[in-house]
mmCIF file of all heavy atoms, coordinates in Angstrom:
data_MODEL
# 
_entry.id   MODEL 
# 
loop_
_atom_site.group_PDB 
_atom_site.id 
_atom_site.type_symbol 
_atom_site.label_atom_id 
_atom_site.label_alt_id 
_atom_site.label_comp_id 
_atom_site.label_asym_id 
_atom_site.label_entity_id 
_atom_site.label_seq_id 
_atom_site.pdbx_PDB_ins_code 
_atom_site.Cartn_x 
_atom_site.Cartn_y 
_atom_site.Cartn_z 
_atom_site.occupancy 
_atom_site.B_iso_or_equiv 
_atom_site.pdbx_formal_charge 
_atom_site.auth_seq_id 
_atom_site.auth_comp_id 
_atom_site.auth_asym_id 
_atom_site.auth_atom_id 
_atom_site.pdbx_PDB_model_num 
ATOM 1   N N   . ARG A 1 1  ? -2.502  -1.539  -9.297  1.00 0.00 ? 1  ARG A N   1 
ATOM 2   C CA  . ARG A 1 1  ? -3.704  -0.754  -9.138  1.00 0.00 ? 1  ARG A CA  1 
ATOM 3   C C   . ARG A 1 1  ? -4.427  -1.206  -7.763  1.00 0.00 ? 1  ARG A C   1 
ATOM 4   O O   . ARG A 1 1  ? -4.451  -2.368  -7.437  1.00 0.00 ? 1  ARG A O   1 
ATOM 5   C CB  . ARG A 1 1  ? -4.732  -1.075  -10.226 1.00 0.00 ? 1  ARG A CB  1 
ATOM 6   C CG  . ARG A 1 1  ? -4.138  -0.844  -11.636 1.00 0.00 ? 1  ARG A CG  1 
ATOM 7   C CD  . ARG A 1 1  ? -4.089  0.628   -11.951 1.00 0.00 ? 1  ARG A CD  1 
ATOM 8   N NE  . ARG A 1 1  ? -4.027  0.807   -13.412 1.00 0.00 ? 1  ARG A NE  1 
ATOM 9   C CZ  . ARG A 1 1  ? -3.967  1.994   -13.950 1.00 0.00 ? 1  ARG A CZ  1 
ATOM 10  N NH1 . ARG A 1 1  ? -3.924  3.108   -13.314 1.00 0.00 ? 1  ARG A NH1 1 
ATOM 11  N NH2 . ARG A 1 1  ? -3.879  2.089   -15.316 1.00 0.00 ? 1  ARG A NH2 1 
ATOM 12  N N   . PHE A 1 2  ? -4.935  -0.167  -7.117  1.00 0.00 ? 2  PHE A N   1 
ATOM 13  C CA  . PHE A 1 2  ? -5.522  -0.414  -5.767  1.00 0.00 ? 2  PHE A CA  1 
ATOM 14  C C   . PHE A 1 2  ? -6.938  0.214   -5.714  1.00 0.00 ? 2  PHE A C   1 
ATOM 15  O O   . PHE A 1 2  ? -7.186  1.289   -6.393  1.00 0.00 ? 2  PHE A O   1 
ATOM 16  C CB  . PHE A 1 2  ? -4.719  0.309   -4.748  1.00 0.00 ? 2  PHE A CB  1 
ATOM 17  C CG  . PHE A 1 2  ? -3.244  -0.064  -4.600  1.00 0.00 ? 2  PHE A CG  1 
ATOM 18  C CD1 . PHE A 1 2  ? -2.311  0.393   -5.528  1.00 0.00 ? 2  PHE A CD1 1 
ATOM 19  C CD2 . PHE A 1 2  ? -2.790  -1.027  -3.628  1.00 0.00 ? 2  PHE A CD2 1 
ATOM 20  C CE1 . PHE A 1 2  ? -0.973  -0.018  -5.451  1.00 0.00 ? 2  PHE A CE1 1 
ATOM 21  C CE2 . PHE A 1 2  ? -1.508  -1.386  -3.566  1.00 0.00 ? 2  PHE A CE2 1 
ATOM 22  C CZ  . PHE A 1 2  ? -0.631  -0.856  -4.395  1.00 0.00 ? 2  PHE A CZ  1 
ATOM 23  N N   . CYS A 1 3  ? -7.794  -0.411  -5.050  1.00 0.00 ? 3  CYS A N   1 
ATOM 24  C CA  . CYS A 1 3  ? -9.126  0.101   -4.802  1.00 0.00 ? 3  CYS A CA  1 
ATOM 25  C C   . CYS A 1 3  ? -9.578  -0.380  -3.345  1.00 0.00 ? 3  CYS A C   1 
ATOM 26  O O   . CYS A 1 3  ? -9.394  -1.612  -3.052  1.00 0.00 ? 3  CYS A O   1 
ATOM 27  C CB  . CYS A 1 3  ? -10.109 -0.356  -5.777  1.00 0.00 ? 3  CYS A CB  1 
ATOM 28  S SG  . CYS A 1 3  ? -11.737 0.324   -5.536  1.00 0.00 ? 3  CYS A SG  1 
ATOM 29  N N   . ALA A 1 4  ? -10.049 0.470   -2.496  1.00 0.00 ? 4  ALA A N   1 
ATOM 30  C CA  . ALA A 1 4  ? -10.432 0.105   -1.154  1.00 0.00 ? 4  ALA A CA  1 
ATOM 31  C C   . ALA A 1 4  ? -11.586 0.965   -0.677  1.00 0.00 ? 4  ALA A C   1 
ATOM 32  O O   . ALA A 1 4  ? -11.873 2.017   -1.230  1.00 0.00 ? 4  ALA A O   1 
ATOM 33  C CB  . ALA A 1 4  ? -9.235  0.240   -0.144  1.00 0.00 ? 4  ALA A CB  1 
ATOM 34  N N   . GLN A 1 5  ? -12.185 0.510   0.437   1.00 0.00 ? 5  GLN A N   1 
ATOM 35  C CA  . GLN A 1 5  ? -13.392 1.178   0.925   1.00 0.00 ? 5  GLN A CA  1 
ATOM 36  C C   . GLN A 1 5  ? -12.907 2.512   1.565   1.00 0.00 ? 5  GLN A C   1 
ATOM 37  O O   . GLN A 1 5  ? -13.821 3.409   1.727   1.00 0.00 ? 5  GLN A O   1 
ATOM 38  C CB  . GLN A 1 5  ? -14.087 0.397   1.971   1.00 0.00 ? 5  GLN A CB  1 
ATOM 39  C CG  . GLN A 1 5  ? -14.714 -0.891  1.374   1.00 0.00 ? 5  GLN A CG  1 
ATOM 40  C CD  . GLN A 1 5  ? -15.764 -0.561  0.303   1.00 0.00 ? 5  GLN A CD  1 
ATOM 41  O OE1 . GLN A 1 5  ? -16.700 0.268   0.613   1.00 0.00 ? 5  GLN A OE1 1 
ATOM 42  N NE2 . GLN A 1 5  ? -15.705 -1.077  -0.899  1.00 0.00 ? 5  GLN A NE2 1 
ATOM 43  N N   . ASP A 1 6  ? -11.787 2.668   2.055   1.00 0.00 ? 6  ASP A N   1 
ATOM 44  C CA  . ASP A 1 6  ? -11.280 3.937   2.708   1.00 0.00 ? 6  ASP A CA  1 
ATOM 45  C C   . ASP A 1 6  ? -9.828  4.032   2.537   1.00 0.00 ? 6  ASP A C   1 
ATOM 46  O O   . ASP A 1 6  ? -9.068  3.126   2.144   1.00 0.00 ? 6  ASP A O   1 
ATOM 47  C CB  . ASP A 1 6  ? -11.719 3.969   4.193   1.00 0.00 ? 6  ASP A CB  1 
ATOM 48  C CG  . ASP A 1 6  ? -11.154 2.729   4.964   1.00 0.00 ? 6  ASP A CG  1 
ATOM 49  O OD1 . ASP A 1 6  ? -9.919  2.514   4.953   1.00 0.00 ? 6  ASP A OD1 1 
ATOM 50  O OD2 . ASP A 1 6  ? -12.008 2.050   5.631   1.00 0.00 ? 6  ASP A OD2 1 
ATOM 51  N N   . ALA A 1 7  ? -9.292  5.244   2.949   1.00 0.00 ? 7  ALA A N   1 
ATOM 52  C CA  . ALA A 1 7  ? -7.844  5.561   2.682   1.00 0.00 ? 7  ALA A CA  1 
ATOM 53  C C   . ALA A 1 7  ? -7.019  4.737   3.484   1.00 0.00 ? 7  ALA A C   1 
ATOM 54  O O   . ALA A 1 7  ? -5.851  4.259   3.114   1.00 0.00 ? 7  ALA A O   1 
ATOM 55  C CB  . ALA A 1 7  ? -7.666  7.025   2.941   1.00 0.00 ? 7  ALA A CB  1 
ATOM 56  N N   . ALA A 1 8  ? -7.410  4.481   4.740   1.00 0.00 ? 8  ALA A N   1 
ATOM 57  C CA  . ALA A 1 8  ? -6.479  3.656   5.641   1.00 0.00 ? 8  ALA A CA  1 
ATOM 58  C C   . ALA A 1 8  ? -6.206  2.237   5.121   1.00 0.00 ? 8  ALA A C   1 
ATOM 59  O O   . ALA A 1 8  ? -5.063  1.780   5.061   1.00 0.00 ? 8  ALA A O   1 
ATOM 60  C CB  . ALA A 1 8  ? -7.120  3.591   7.066   1.00 0.00 ? 8  ALA A CB  1 
ATOM 61  N N   . ARG A 1 9  ? -7.216  1.663   4.611   1.00 0.00 ? 9  ARG A N   1 
ATOM 62  C CA  . ARG A 1 9  ? -7.041  0.238   4.005   1.00 0.00 ? 9  ARG A CA  1 
ATOM 63  C C   . ARG A 1 9  ? -6.074  0.361   2.777   1.00 0.00 ? 9  ARG A C   1 
ATOM 64  O O   . ARG A 1 9  ? -5.233  -0.548  2.618   1.00 0.00 ? 9  ARG A O   1 
ATOM 65  C CB  . ARG A 1 9  ? -8.275  -0.442  3.740   1.00 0.00 ? 9  ARG A CB  1 
ATOM 66  C CG  . ARG A 1 9  ? -9.198  -0.593  4.911   1.00 0.00 ? 9  ARG A CG  1 
ATOM 67  C CD  . ARG A 1 9  ? -10.538 -1.252  4.493   1.00 0.00 ? 9  ARG A CD  1 
ATOM 68  N NE  . ARG A 1 9  ? -11.478 -1.334  5.590   1.00 0.00 ? 9  ARG A NE  1 
ATOM 69  C CZ  . ARG A 1 9  ? -12.572 -1.914  5.522   1.00 0.00 ? 9  ARG A CZ  1 
ATOM 70  N NH1 . ARG A 1 9  ? -12.994 -2.379  4.435   1.00 0.00 ? 9  ARG A NH1 1 
ATOM 71  N NH2 . ARG A 1 9  ? -13.361 -1.832  6.624   1.00 0.00 ? 9  ARG A NH2 1 
ATOM 72  N N   . LEU A 1 10 ? -6.371  1.332   1.960   1.00 0.00 ? 10 LEU A N   1 
ATOM 73  C CA  . LEU A 1 10 ? -5.548  1.431   0.694   1.00 0.00 ? 10 LEU A CA  1 
ATOM 74  C C   . LEU A 1 10 ? -4.098  1.789   1.120   1.00 0.00 ? 10 LEU A C   1 
ATOM 75  O O   . LEU A 1 10 ? -3.133  1.175   0.498   1.00 0.00 ? 10 LEU A O   1 
ATOM 76  C CB  . LEU A 1 10 ? -6.171  2.477   -0.209  1.00 0.00 ? 10 LEU A CB  1 
ATOM 77  C CG  . LEU A 1 10 ? -5.618  2.267   -1.669  1.00 0.00 ? 10 LEU A CG  1 
ATOM 78  C CD1 . LEU A 1 10 ? -6.694  2.766   -2.649  1.00 0.00 ? 10 LEU A CD1 1 
ATOM 79  C CD2 . LEU A 1 10 ? -4.352  3.236   -1.879  1.00 0.00 ? 10 LEU A CD2 1 
ATOM 80  N N   . ARG A 1 11 ? -3.854  2.658   1.976   1.00 0.00 ? 11 ARG A N   1 
ATOM 81  C CA  . ARG A 1 11 ? -2.551  3.019   2.440   1.00 0.00 ? 11 ARG A CA  1 
ATOM 82  C C   . ARG A 1 11 ? -1.862  1.777   2.892   1.00 0.00 ? 11 ARG A C   1 
ATOM 83  O O   . ARG A 1 11 ? -0.564  1.585   2.546   1.00 0.00 ? 11 ARG A O   1 
ATOM 84  C CB  . ARG A 1 11 ? -2.578  4.130   3.519   1.00 0.00 ? 11 ARG A CB  1 
ATOM 85  C CG  . ARG A 1 11 ? -1.239  4.688   3.846   1.00 0.00 ? 11 ARG A CG  1 
ATOM 86  C CD  . ARG A 1 11 ? -1.463  5.626   5.027   1.00 0.00 ? 11 ARG A CD  1 
ATOM 87  N NE  . ARG A 1 11 ? -0.261  6.246   5.470   1.00 0.00 ? 11 ARG A NE  1 
ATOM 88  C CZ  . ARG A 1 11 ? 0.245   7.467   5.208   1.00 0.00 ? 11 ARG A CZ  1 
ATOM 89  N NH1 . ARG A 1 11 ? -0.481  8.243   4.362   1.00 0.00 ? 11 ARG A NH1 1 
ATOM 90  N NH2 . ARG A 1 11 ? 1.294   7.940   5.740   1.00 0.00 ? 11 ARG A NH2 1 
ATOM 91  N N   . ALA A 1 12 ? -2.411  0.933   3.805   1.00 0.00 ? 12 ALA A N   1 
ATOM 92  C CA  . ALA A 1 12 ? -1.820  -0.293  4.208   1.00 0.00 ? 12 ALA A CA  1 
ATOM 93  C C   . ALA A 1 12 ? -1.378  -1.107  3.051   1.00 0.00 ? 12 ALA A C   1 
ATOM 94  O O   . ALA A 1 12 ? -0.336  -1.727  3.067   1.00 0.00 ? 12 ALA A O   1 
ATOM 95  C CB  . ALA A 1 12 ? -2.760  -0.910  5.150   1.00 0.00 ? 12 ALA A CB  1 
ATOM 96  N N   . ASP A 1 13 ? -2.334  -1.360  2.151   1.00 0.00 ? 13 ASP A N   1 
ATOM 97  C CA  . ASP A 1 13 ? -2.040  -2.187  0.918   1.00 0.00 ? 13 ASP A CA  1 
ATOM 98  C C   . ASP A 1 13 ? -0.858  -1.643  0.151   1.00 0.00 ? 13 ASP A C   1 
ATOM 99  O O   . ASP A 1 13 ? 0.040   -2.339  -0.286  1.00 0.00 ? 13 ASP A O   1 
ATOM 100 C CB  . ASP A 1 13 ? -3.255  -2.355  0.074   1.00 0.00 ? 13 ASP A CB  1 
ATOM 101 C CG  . ASP A 1 13 ? -4.381  -3.200  0.683   1.00 0.00 ? 13 ASP A CG  1 
ATOM 102 O OD1 . ASP A 1 13 ? -4.041  -3.879  1.701   1.00 0.00 ? 13 ASP A OD1 1 
ATOM 103 O OD2 . ASP A 1 13 ? -5.502  -3.147  0.215   1.00 0.00 ? 13 ASP A OD2 1 
ATOM 104 N N   . MET A 1 14 ? -0.820  -0.285  -0.039  1.00 0.00 ? 14 MET A N   1 
ATOM 105 C CA  . MET A 1 14 ? 0.211   0.345   -0.785  1.00 0.00 ? 14 MET A CA  1 
ATOM 106 C C   . MET A 1 14 ? 1.561   0.140   -0.029  1.00 0.00 ? 14 MET A C   1 
ATOM 107 O O   . MET A 1 14 ? 2.555   -0.188  -0.650  1.00 0.00 ? 14 MET A O   1 
ATOM 108 C CB  . MET A 1 14 ? -0.057  1.848   -0.906  1.00 0.00 ? 14 MET A CB  1 
ATOM 109 C CG  . MET A 1 14 ? 1.069   2.608   -1.691  1.00 0.00 ? 14 MET A CG  1 
ATOM 110 S SD  . MET A 1 14 ? 1.045   2.257   -3.444  1.00 0.00 ? 14 MET A SD  1 
ATOM 111 C CE  . MET A 1 14 ? -0.281  3.353   -3.953  1.00 0.00 ? 14 MET A CE  1 
ATOM 112 N N   . MET A 1 15 ? 1.631   0.220   1.354   1.00 0.00 ? 15 MET A N   1 
ATOM 113 C CA  . MET A 1 15 ? 2.867   -0.007  2.025   1.00 0.00 ? 15 MET A CA  1 
ATOM 114 C C   . MET A 1 15 ? 3.321   -1.408  1.984   1.00 0.00 ? 15 MET A C   1 
ATOM 115 O O   . MET A 1 15 ? 4.531   -1.630  1.897   1.00 0.00 ? 15 MET A O   1 
ATOM 116 C CB  . MET A 1 15 ? 2.585   0.358   3.529   1.00 0.00 ? 15 MET A CB  1 
ATOM 117 C CG  . MET A 1 15 ? 2.346   1.890   3.666   1.00 0.00 ? 15 MET A CG  1 
ATOM 118 S SD  . MET A 1 15 ? 1.939   2.404   5.383   1.00 0.00 ? 15 MET A SD  1 
ATOM 119 C CE  . MET A 1 15 ? 3.491   2.112   6.298   1.00 0.00 ? 15 MET A CE  1 
ATOM 120 N N   . THR A 1 16 ? 2.307   -2.371  1.877   1.00 0.00 ? 16 THR A N   1 
ATOM 121 C CA  . THR A 1 16 ? 2.791   -3.775  1.740   1.00 0.00 ? 16 THR A CA  1 
ATOM 122 C C   . THR A 1 16 ? 3.420   -3.988  0.274   1.00 0.00 ? 16 THR A C   1 
ATOM 123 O O   . THR A 1 16 ? 4.485   -4.690  0.229   1.00 0.00 ? 16 THR A O   1 
ATOM 124 C CB  . THR A 1 16 ? 1.536   -4.650  1.748   1.00 0.00 ? 16 THR A CB  1 
ATOM 125 O OG1 . THR A 1 16 ? 0.958   -4.652  3.129   1.00 0.00 ? 16 THR A OG1 1 
ATOM 126 C CG2 . THR A 1 16 ? 1.926   -6.120  1.596   1.00 0.00 ? 16 THR A CG2 1 
ATOM 127 N N   . VAL A 1 17 ? 2.885   -3.387  -0.733  1.00 0.00 ? 17 VAL A N   1 
ATOM 128 C CA  . VAL A 1 17 ? 3.374   -3.479  -2.013  1.00 0.00 ? 17 VAL A CA  1 
ATOM 129 C C   . VAL A 1 17 ? 4.810   -2.868  -2.091  1.00 0.00 ? 17 VAL A C   1 
ATOM 130 O O   . VAL A 1 17 ? 5.765   -3.409  -2.615  1.00 0.00 ? 17 VAL A O   1 
ATOM 131 C CB  . VAL A 1 17 ? 2.509   -2.909  -3.114  1.00 0.00 ? 17 VAL A CB  1 
ATOM 132 C CG1 . VAL A 1 17 ? 3.161   -2.712  -4.444  1.00 0.00 ? 17 VAL A CG1 1 
ATOM 133 C CG2 . VAL A 1 17 ? 1.237   -3.733  -3.293  1.00 0.00 ? 17 VAL A CG2 1 
ATOM 134 N N   . LEU A 1 18 ? 4.921   -1.657  -1.486  1.00 0.00 ? 18 LEU A N   1 
ATOM 135 C CA  . LEU A 1 18 ? 6.231   -0.987  -1.612  1.00 0.00 ? 18 LEU A CA  1 
ATOM 136 C C   . LEU A 1 18 ? 7.324   -1.729  -0.843  1.00 0.00 ? 18 LEU A C   1 
ATOM 137 O O   . LEU A 1 18 ? 8.458   -1.773  -1.226  1.00 0.00 ? 18 LEU A O   1 
ATOM 138 C CB  . LEU A 1 18 ? 6.047   0.438   -0.949  1.00 0.00 ? 18 LEU A CB  1 
ATOM 139 C CG  . LEU A 1 18 ? 5.132   1.371   -1.704  1.00 0.00 ? 18 LEU A CG  1 
ATOM 140 C CD1 . LEU A 1 18 ? 5.190   2.785   -1.037  1.00 0.00 ? 18 LEU A CD1 1 
ATOM 141 C CD2 . LEU A 1 18 ? 5.588   1.523   -3.109  1.00 0.00 ? 18 LEU A CD2 1 
ATOM 142 N N   . ALA A 1 19 ? 6.942   -2.364  0.217   1.00 0.00 ? 19 ALA A N   1 
ATOM 143 C CA  . ALA A 1 19 ? 7.884   -3.207  0.960   1.00 0.00 ? 19 ALA A CA  1 
ATOM 144 C C   . ALA A 1 19 ? 8.407   -4.361  0.094   1.00 0.00 ? 19 ALA A C   1 
ATOM 145 O O   . ALA A 1 19 ? 9.652   -4.724  0.151   1.00 0.00 ? 19 ALA A O   1 
ATOM 146 C CB  . ALA A 1 19 ? 7.267   -3.785  2.247   1.00 0.00 ? 19 ALA A CB  1 
ATOM 147 N N   . ARG A 1 20 ? 7.519   -4.962  -0.752  1.00 0.00 ? 20 ARG A N   1 
ATOM 148 C CA  . ARG A 1 20 ? 7.967   -5.956  -1.723  1.00 0.00 ? 20 ARG A CA  1 
ATOM 149 C C   . ARG A 1 20 ? 8.840   -5.496  -2.784  1.00 0.00 ? 20 ARG A C   1 
ATOM 150 O O   . ARG A 1 20 ? 9.590   -6.290  -3.345  1.00 0.00 ? 20 ARG A O   1 
ATOM 151 C CB  . ARG A 1 20 ? 6.652   -6.602  -2.325  1.00 0.00 ? 20 ARG A CB  1 
ATOM 152 C CG  . ARG A 1 20 ? 5.781   -7.345  -1.303  1.00 0.00 ? 20 ARG A CG  1 
ATOM 153 C CD  . ARG A 1 20 ? 6.416   -8.779  -1.118  1.00 0.00 ? 20 ARG A CD  1 
ATOM 154 N NE  . ARG A 1 20 ? 5.818   -9.407  0.029   1.00 0.00 ? 20 ARG A NE  1 
ATOM 155 C CZ  . ARG A 1 20 ? 5.809   -10.764 0.206   1.00 0.00 ? 20 ARG A CZ  1 
ATOM 156 N NH1 . ARG A 1 20 ? 6.384   -11.502 -0.613  1.00 0.00 ? 20 ARG A NH1 1 
ATOM 157 N NH2 . ARG A 1 20 ? 5.240   -11.345 1.303   1.00 0.00 ? 20 ARG A NH2 1 
ATOM 158 N N   . THR A 1 21 ? 8.876   -4.225  -3.101  1.00 0.00 ? 21 THR A N   1 
ATOM 159 C CA  . THR A 1 21 ? 9.768   -3.647  -4.077  1.00 0.00 ? 21 THR A CA  1 
ATOM 160 C C   . THR A 1 21 ? 11.145  -3.304  -3.422  1.00 0.00 ? 21 THR A C   1 
ATOM 161 O O   . THR A 1 21 ? 12.105  -3.026  -4.163  1.00 0.00 ? 21 THR A O   1 
ATOM 162 C CB  . THR A 1 21 ? 9.255   -2.348  -4.717  1.00 0.00 ? 21 THR A CB  1 
ATOM 163 O OG1 . THR A 1 21 ? 9.264   -1.297  -3.748  1.00 0.00 ? 21 THR A OG1 1 
ATOM 164 C CG2 . THR A 1 21 ? 7.784   -2.606  -5.252  1.00 0.00 ? 21 THR A CG2 1 
ATOM 165 N N   . GLY A 1 22 ? 11.216  -3.414  -2.060  1.00 0.00 ? 22 GLY A N   1 
ATOM 166 C CA  . GLY A 1 22 ? 12.507  -2.991  -1.465  1.00 0.00 ? 22 GLY A CA  1 
ATOM 167 C C   . GLY A 1 22 ? 12.620  -1.514  -1.252  1.00 0.00 ? 22 GLY A C   1 
ATOM 168 O O   . GLY A 1 22 ? 13.694  -1.061  -0.809  1.00 0.00 ? 22 GLY A O   1 
ATOM 169 N N   . ALA A 1 23 ? 11.490  -0.744  -1.457  1.00 0.00 ? 23 ALA A N   1 
ATOM 170 C CA  . ALA A 1 23 ? 11.582  0.750   -1.260  1.00 0.00 ? 23 ALA A CA  1 
ATOM 171 C C   . ALA A 1 23 ? 11.594  1.025   0.192   1.00 0.00 ? 23 ALA A C   1 
ATOM 172 O O   . ALA A 1 23 ? 10.964  0.402   1.082   1.00 0.00 ? 23 ALA A O   1 
ATOM 173 C CB  . ALA A 1 23 ? 10.409  1.354   -1.908  1.00 0.00 ? 23 ALA A CB  1 
ATOM 174 N N   . ALA A 1 24 ? 12.332  2.096   0.609   1.00 0.00 ? 24 ALA A N   1 
ATOM 175 C CA  . ALA A 1 24 ? 12.304  2.694   1.898   1.00 0.00 ? 24 ALA A CA  1 
ATOM 176 C C   . ALA A 1 24 ? 11.277  3.750   1.951   1.00 0.00 ? 24 ALA A C   1 
ATOM 177 O O   . ALA A 1 24 ? 11.331  4.699   1.179   1.00 0.00 ? 24 ALA A O   1 
ATOM 178 C CB  . ALA A 1 24 ? 13.717  3.180   2.268   1.00 0.00 ? 24 ALA A CB  1 
ATOM 179 N N   . LEU A 1 25 ? 10.368  3.609   2.863   1.00 0.00 ? 25 LEU A N   1 
ATOM 180 C CA  . LEU A 1 25 ? 9.291   4.682   2.950   1.00 0.00 ? 25 LEU A CA  1 
ATOM 181 C C   . LEU A 1 25 ? 9.775   5.882   3.562   1.00 0.00 ? 25 LEU A C   1 
ATOM 182 O O   . LEU A 1 25 ? 10.576  5.917   4.536   1.00 0.00 ? 25 LEU A O   1 
ATOM 183 C CB  . LEU A 1 25 ? 8.062   4.124   3.750   1.00 0.00 ? 25 LEU A CB  1 
ATOM 184 C CG  . LEU A 1 25 ? 7.288   3.009   3.065   1.00 0.00 ? 25 LEU A CG  1 
ATOM 185 C CD1 . LEU A 1 25 ? 6.336   2.378   4.105   1.00 0.00 ? 25 LEU A CD1 1 
ATOM 186 C CD2 . LEU A 1 25 ? 6.533   3.503   1.920   1.00 0.00 ? 25 LEU A CD2 1 
# 
């Protein structure tokens, strides 16, 4: 689950998590 002050910060956090899953963006 993610919560951030703006979309850019949340998107960066989501990309970090996806990288940890081994997913290709």
